[in-house]
Amino acid sequence: MTLPVFLHIEATPNPKEMEALQNYLSSVPPILHKHGGVTIATYDVERSLDGADSPAVFIVISFPSRTAIDNFFADHDYQNIVPSRDLGFSHLRFYVTSERI
């Protein structure tokens, strides 16, 4: 049995670069779909319990494999929108996780 692999994203938009953010967010879905990515959930972060700065949002995306995630990030179309991504977010981290069996 093949279990999905998940891409977890913590992000905070950059309010000074909303045009770049919108460009990135509108361009990502077809690239994500091409590599089998399916958004499972998007969560607004209410607060951090340890008192540290917290991101604005967590996103969980399911992929069929680690290779699919690697191919998504390496995709030429995705690489073309990386400058918008980097301007559009003041904080952005990606994590790859899988279920324990």
N, C-alpha and C. Protein backbone atom coordinates (compact mmCIF):
# COMPACT_ATOMS: atom_id res chain seq x y z
N MET A 1 0.84 -1.18 0.00
CA MET A 1 0.00 0.00 0.00
C MET A 1 0.89 1.25 0.00
N THR A 2 0.61 2.17 -0.90
CA THR A 2 1.36 3.42 -0.98
C THR A 2 0.59 4.50 -0.22
N LEU A 3 1.26 5.11 0.73
CA LEU A 3 0.65 6.19 1.50
C LEU A 3 1.03 7.53 0.88
N PRO A 4 0.15 8.50 0.96
CA PRO A 4 0.49 9.82 0.43
C PRO A 4 1.59 10.48 1.26
N VAL A 5 2.23 11.43 0.65
CA VAL A 5 3.23 12.26 1.32
C VAL A 5 2.64 13.66 1.39
N PHE A 6 2.92 14.36 2.45
CA PHE A 6 2.30 15.66 2.65
C PHE A 6 3.32 16.78 2.64
N LEU A 7 2.94 17.87 2.04
CA LEU A 7 3.70 19.10 2.09
C LEU A 7 2.96 20.03 3.04
N HIS A 8 3.63 20.40 4.13
CA HIS A 8 3.06 21.34 5.10
C HIS A 8 3.76 22.67 4.87
N ILE A 9 2.97 23.72 4.83
CA ILE A 9 3.51 25.04 4.56
C ILE A 9 3.08 25.98 5.67
N GLU A 10 4.04 26.70 6.24
CA GLU A 10 3.69 27.77 7.16
C GLU A 10 4.08 29.07 6.47
N ALA A 11 3.16 30.03 6.48
CA ALA A 11 3.38 31.23 5.69
C ALA A 11 2.77 32.47 6.33
N THR A 12 3.42 33.59 6.06
CA THR A 12 2.88 34.89 6.42
C THR A 12 3.01 35.79 5.20
N PRO A 13 1.90 36.27 4.66
CA PRO A 13 1.96 37.16 3.50
C PRO A 13 2.70 38.46 3.83
N ASN A 14 3.32 39.03 2.81
CA ASN A 14 3.97 40.32 2.93
C ASN A 14 2.98 41.38 2.49
N PRO A 15 2.44 42.18 3.42
CA PRO A 15 1.41 43.15 3.06
C PRO A 15 1.90 44.23 2.09
N LYS A 16 3.21 44.38 1.96
CA LYS A 16 3.77 45.38 1.05
C LYS A 16 3.90 44.86 -0.38
N GLU A 17 3.62 43.56 -0.58
CA GLU A 17 3.81 42.94 -1.90
C GLU A 17 2.59 42.11 -2.29
N MET A 18 1.41 42.71 -2.17
CA MET A 18 0.18 41.97 -2.45
C MET A 18 0.05 41.58 -3.92
N GLU A 19 0.56 42.38 -4.83
CA GLU A 19 0.48 42.02 -6.25
C GLU A 19 1.32 40.77 -6.53
N ALA A 20 2.51 40.70 -5.96
CA ALA A 20 3.36 39.52 -6.13
C ALA A 20 2.69 38.30 -5.50
N LEU A 21 2.09 38.48 -4.33
CA LEU A 21 1.40 37.38 -3.65
C LEU A 21 0.26 36.86 -4.52
N GLN A 22 -0.56 37.75 -5.06
CA GLN A 22 -1.68 37.33 -5.90
C GLN A 22 -1.20 36.63 -7.17
N ASN A 23 -0.11 37.11 -7.74
CA ASN A 23 0.46 36.47 -8.93
C ASN A 23 0.86 35.03 -8.59
N TYR A 24 1.53 34.86 -7.47
CA TYR A 24 1.97 33.52 -7.05
C TYR A 24 0.75 32.62 -6.78
N LEU A 25 -0.19 33.12 -5.97
CA LEU A 25 -1.33 32.29 -5.58
C LEU A 25 -2.22 31.91 -6.76
N SER A 26 -2.30 32.77 -7.76
CA SER A 26 -3.12 32.43 -8.92
C SER A 26 -2.40 31.50 -9.89
N SER A 27 -1.08 31.45 -9.83
CA SER A 27 -0.29 30.62 -10.74
C SER A 27 -0.03 29.22 -10.21
N VAL A 28 -0.05 29.01 -8.91
CA VAL A 28 0.31 27.73 -8.31
C VAL A 28 -0.66 26.58 -8.61
N PRO A 29 -1.99 26.77 -8.53
CA PRO A 29 -2.90 25.62 -8.65
C PRO A 29 -2.69 24.70 -9.86
N PRO A 30 -2.54 25.22 -11.09
CA PRO A 30 -2.35 24.28 -12.21
C PRO A 30 -1.04 23.51 -12.13
N ILE A 31 -0.01 24.12 -11.58
CA ILE A 31 1.28 23.44 -11.44
C ILE A 31 1.15 22.35 -10.38
N LEU A 32 0.51 22.68 -9.29
CA LEU A 32 0.26 21.72 -8.22
C LEU A 32 -0.52 20.52 -8.75
N HIS A 33 -1.58 20.79 -9.48
CA HIS A 33 -2.43 19.74 -10.04
C HIS A 33 -1.64 18.84 -10.99
N LYS A 34 -0.77 19.43 -11.79
CA LYS A 34 0.03 18.67 -12.75
C LYS A 34 0.88 17.60 -12.06
N HIS A 35 1.26 17.84 -10.81
CA HIS A 35 2.12 16.91 -10.08
C HIS A 35 1.35 16.09 -9.04
N GLY A 36 0.03 16.11 -9.13
CA GLY A 36 -0.80 15.28 -8.25
C GLY A 36 -1.05 15.89 -6.89
N GLY A 37 -0.73 17.17 -6.71
CA GLY A 37 -0.95 17.82 -5.43
C GLY A 37 -2.41 18.18 -5.22
N VAL A 38 -2.90 17.89 -4.02
CA VAL A 38 -4.29 18.20 -3.65
C VAL A 38 -4.26 18.91 -2.30
N THR A 39 -4.81 20.12 -2.26
CA THR A 39 -4.87 20.84 -0.99
C THR A 39 -5.88 20.15 -0.07
N ILE A 40 -5.40 19.75 1.09
CA ILE A 40 -6.23 19.04 2.07
C ILE A 40 -6.88 20.04 3.03
N ALA A 41 -6.11 21.02 3.49
CA ALA A 41 -6.64 21.97 4.46
C ALA A 41 -5.80 23.24 4.47
N THR A 42 -6.45 24.33 4.81
CA THR A 42 -5.78 25.60 5.05
C THR A 42 -6.28 26.11 6.40
N TYR A 43 -5.34 26.43 7.28
CA TYR A 43 -5.69 26.85 8.64
C TYR A 43 -5.16 28.24 8.92
N ASP A 44 -5.98 29.12 9.47
CA ASP A 44 -5.50 30.39 9.99
C ASP A 44 -4.90 30.10 11.37
N VAL A 45 -3.75 30.66 11.64
CA VAL A 45 -3.10 30.47 12.93
C VAL A 45 -3.61 31.55 13.88
N GLU A 46 -4.21 31.12 14.97
CA GLU A 46 -4.77 32.06 15.95
C GLU A 46 -3.69 32.65 16.85
N ARG A 47 -2.79 31.78 17.31
CA ARG A 47 -1.73 32.26 18.21
C ARG A 47 -0.71 31.15 18.43
N SER A 48 0.43 31.56 18.88
CA SER A 48 1.49 30.62 19.24
C SER A 48 1.47 30.46 20.76
N LEU A 49 1.49 29.24 21.23
CA LEU A 49 1.41 29.00 22.67
C LEU A 49 2.75 29.18 23.39
N ASP A 50 3.84 29.24 22.62
CA ASP A 50 5.15 29.42 23.26
C ASP A 50 5.59 30.88 23.28
N GLY A 51 4.73 31.78 22.80
CA GLY A 51 5.04 33.20 22.82
C GLY A 51 5.87 33.67 21.64
N ALA A 52 6.30 32.77 20.79
CA ALA A 52 7.10 33.15 19.63
C ALA A 52 6.19 33.68 18.53
N ASP A 53 6.81 34.37 17.58
CA ASP A 53 6.04 34.81 16.41
C ASP A 53 5.46 33.59 15.73
N SER A 54 4.26 33.72 15.23
CA SER A 54 3.64 32.60 14.55
C SER A 54 3.30 33.01 13.12
N PRO A 55 3.28 32.03 12.21
CA PRO A 55 2.88 32.34 10.85
C PRO A 55 1.39 32.67 10.81
N ALA A 56 0.95 33.23 9.72
CA ALA A 56 -0.47 33.58 9.57
C ALA A 56 -1.30 32.37 9.19
N VAL A 57 -0.69 31.41 8.48
CA VAL A 57 -1.46 30.30 7.93
C VAL A 57 -0.61 29.03 7.84
N PHE A 58 -1.27 27.88 7.99
CA PHE A 58 -0.69 26.57 7.71
C PHE A 58 -1.51 25.95 6.59
N ILE A 59 -0.84 25.33 5.65
CA ILE A 59 -1.50 24.67 4.53
C ILE A 59 -0.99 23.24 4.46
N VAL A 60 -1.88 22.29 4.21
CA VAL A 60 -1.50 20.88 4.06
C VAL A 60 -1.89 20.44 2.65
N ILE A 61 -0.91 19.93 1.92
CA ILE A 61 -1.12 19.47 0.55
C ILE A 61 -0.66 18.02 0.46
N SER A 62 -1.50 17.17 -0.12
CA SER A 62 -1.18 15.76 -0.31
C SER A 62 -0.58 15.56 -1.70
N PHE A 63 0.47 14.77 -1.77
CA PHE A 63 1.10 14.36 -3.03
C PHE A 63 1.19 12.84 -3.06
N PRO A 64 1.23 12.26 -4.25
CA PRO A 64 1.31 10.80 -4.33
C PRO A 64 2.67 10.24 -3.92
N SER A 65 3.72 11.07 -3.92
CA SER A 65 5.07 10.58 -3.58
C SER A 65 6.00 11.75 -3.29
N ARG A 66 7.16 11.42 -2.72
CA ARG A 66 8.19 12.44 -2.52
C ARG A 66 8.70 12.96 -3.86
N THR A 67 8.79 12.06 -4.82
CA THR A 67 9.24 12.46 -6.15
C THR A 67 8.30 13.49 -6.75
N ALA A 68 7.01 13.34 -6.53
CA ALA A 68 6.03 14.32 -7.04
C ALA A 68 6.27 15.69 -6.42
N ILE A 69 6.61 15.73 -5.13
CA ILE A 69 6.91 17.01 -4.47
C ILE A 69 8.18 17.61 -5.08
N ASP A 70 9.21 16.79 -5.24
CA ASP A 70 10.46 17.27 -5.84
C ASP A 70 10.21 17.80 -7.25
N ASN A 71 9.40 17.08 -8.02
CA ASN A 71 9.10 17.50 -9.39
C ASN A 71 8.30 18.80 -9.42
N PHE A 72 7.40 18.97 -8.45
CA PHE A 72 6.63 20.22 -8.34
C PHE A 72 7.58 21.40 -8.16
N PHE A 73 8.49 21.30 -7.18
CA PHE A 73 9.41 22.41 -6.91
C PHE A 73 10.40 22.64 -8.05
N ALA A 74 10.76 21.59 -8.77
CA ALA A 74 11.71 21.70 -9.88
C ALA A 74 11.04 22.13 -11.19
N ASP A 75 9.73 22.08 -11.25
CA ASP A 75 9.00 22.39 -12.49
C ASP A 75 9.38 23.79 -13.00
N HIS A 76 9.63 23.89 -14.29
CA HIS A 76 10.03 25.16 -14.90
C HIS A 76 8.99 26.26 -14.64
N ASP A 77 7.72 25.92 -14.75
CA ASP A 77 6.66 26.91 -14.51
C ASP A 77 6.67 27.38 -13.06
N TYR A 78 6.95 26.46 -12.13
CA TYR A 78 7.03 26.86 -10.73
C TYR A 78 8.24 27.76 -10.50
N GLN A 79 9.37 27.38 -11.08
CA GLN A 79 10.58 28.18 -10.91
C GLN A 79 10.37 29.61 -11.41
N ASN A 80 9.54 29.77 -12.43
CA ASN A 80 9.27 31.11 -12.97
C ASN A 80 8.50 32.00 -12.00
N ILE A 81 7.75 31.41 -11.07
CA ILE A 81 6.99 32.22 -10.11
C ILE A 81 7.65 32.32 -8.74
N VAL A 82 8.82 31.71 -8.59
CA VAL A 82 9.55 31.80 -7.32
C VAL A 82 9.85 33.26 -6.94
N PRO A 83 10.24 34.13 -7.87
CA PRO A 83 10.45 35.53 -7.46
C PRO A 83 9.20 36.18 -6.87
N SER A 84 8.03 35.89 -7.43
CA SER A 84 6.78 36.41 -6.85
C SER A 84 6.54 35.81 -5.48
N ARG A 85 6.81 34.51 -5.34
CA ARG A 85 6.65 33.84 -4.05
C ARG A 85 7.53 34.51 -3.00
N ASP A 86 8.79 34.73 -3.36
CA ASP A 86 9.73 35.28 -2.39
C ASP A 86 9.40 36.72 -1.99
N LEU A 87 8.81 37.48 -2.91
CA LEU A 87 8.36 38.83 -2.57
C LEU A 87 7.04 38.80 -1.80
N GLY A 88 6.16 37.89 -2.15
CA GLY A 88 4.80 37.86 -1.63
C GLY A 88 4.66 37.38 -0.20
N PHE A 89 5.70 36.74 0.32
CA PHE A 89 5.64 36.23 1.69
C PHE A 89 6.78 36.81 2.51
N SER A 90 6.47 37.23 3.73
CA SER A 90 7.53 37.68 4.64
C SER A 90 8.10 36.50 5.42
N HIS A 91 7.35 35.41 5.48
CA HIS A 91 7.81 34.18 6.14
C HIS A 91 7.21 33.01 5.37
N LEU A 92 8.05 32.02 5.06
CA LEU A 92 7.58 30.85 4.32
C LEU A 92 8.51 29.67 4.61
N ARG A 93 7.93 28.57 5.10
CA ARG A 93 8.69 27.34 5.33
C ARG A 93 7.89 26.17 4.81
N PHE A 94 8.62 25.20 4.26
CA PHE A 94 8.01 24.00 3.71
C PHE A 94 8.53 22.79 4.48
N TYR A 95 7.64 21.84 4.76
CA TYR A 95 8.00 20.59 5.43
C TYR A 95 7.41 19.44 4.64
N VAL A 96 8.18 18.36 4.46
CA VAL A 96 7.65 17.15 3.84
C VAL A 96 7.48 16.13 4.95
N THR A 97 6.26 15.57 5.04
CA THR A 97 5.97 14.58 6.07
C THR A 97 5.26 13.39 5.45
N SER A 98 5.32 12.28 6.17
CA SER A 98 4.57 11.09 5.75
C SER A 98 4.03 10.41 7.00
N GLU A 99 2.99 9.62 6.81
CA GLU A 99 2.39 8.91 7.94
C GLU A 99 3.31 7.82 8.43
N ARG A 100 3.29 7.59 9.73
CA ARG A 100 4.01 6.46 10.30
C ARG A 100 3.17 5.22 10.13
N ILE A 101 3.83 4.14 9.79
CA ILE A 101 3.08 2.88 9.63
C ILE A 101 3.58 1.85 10.62
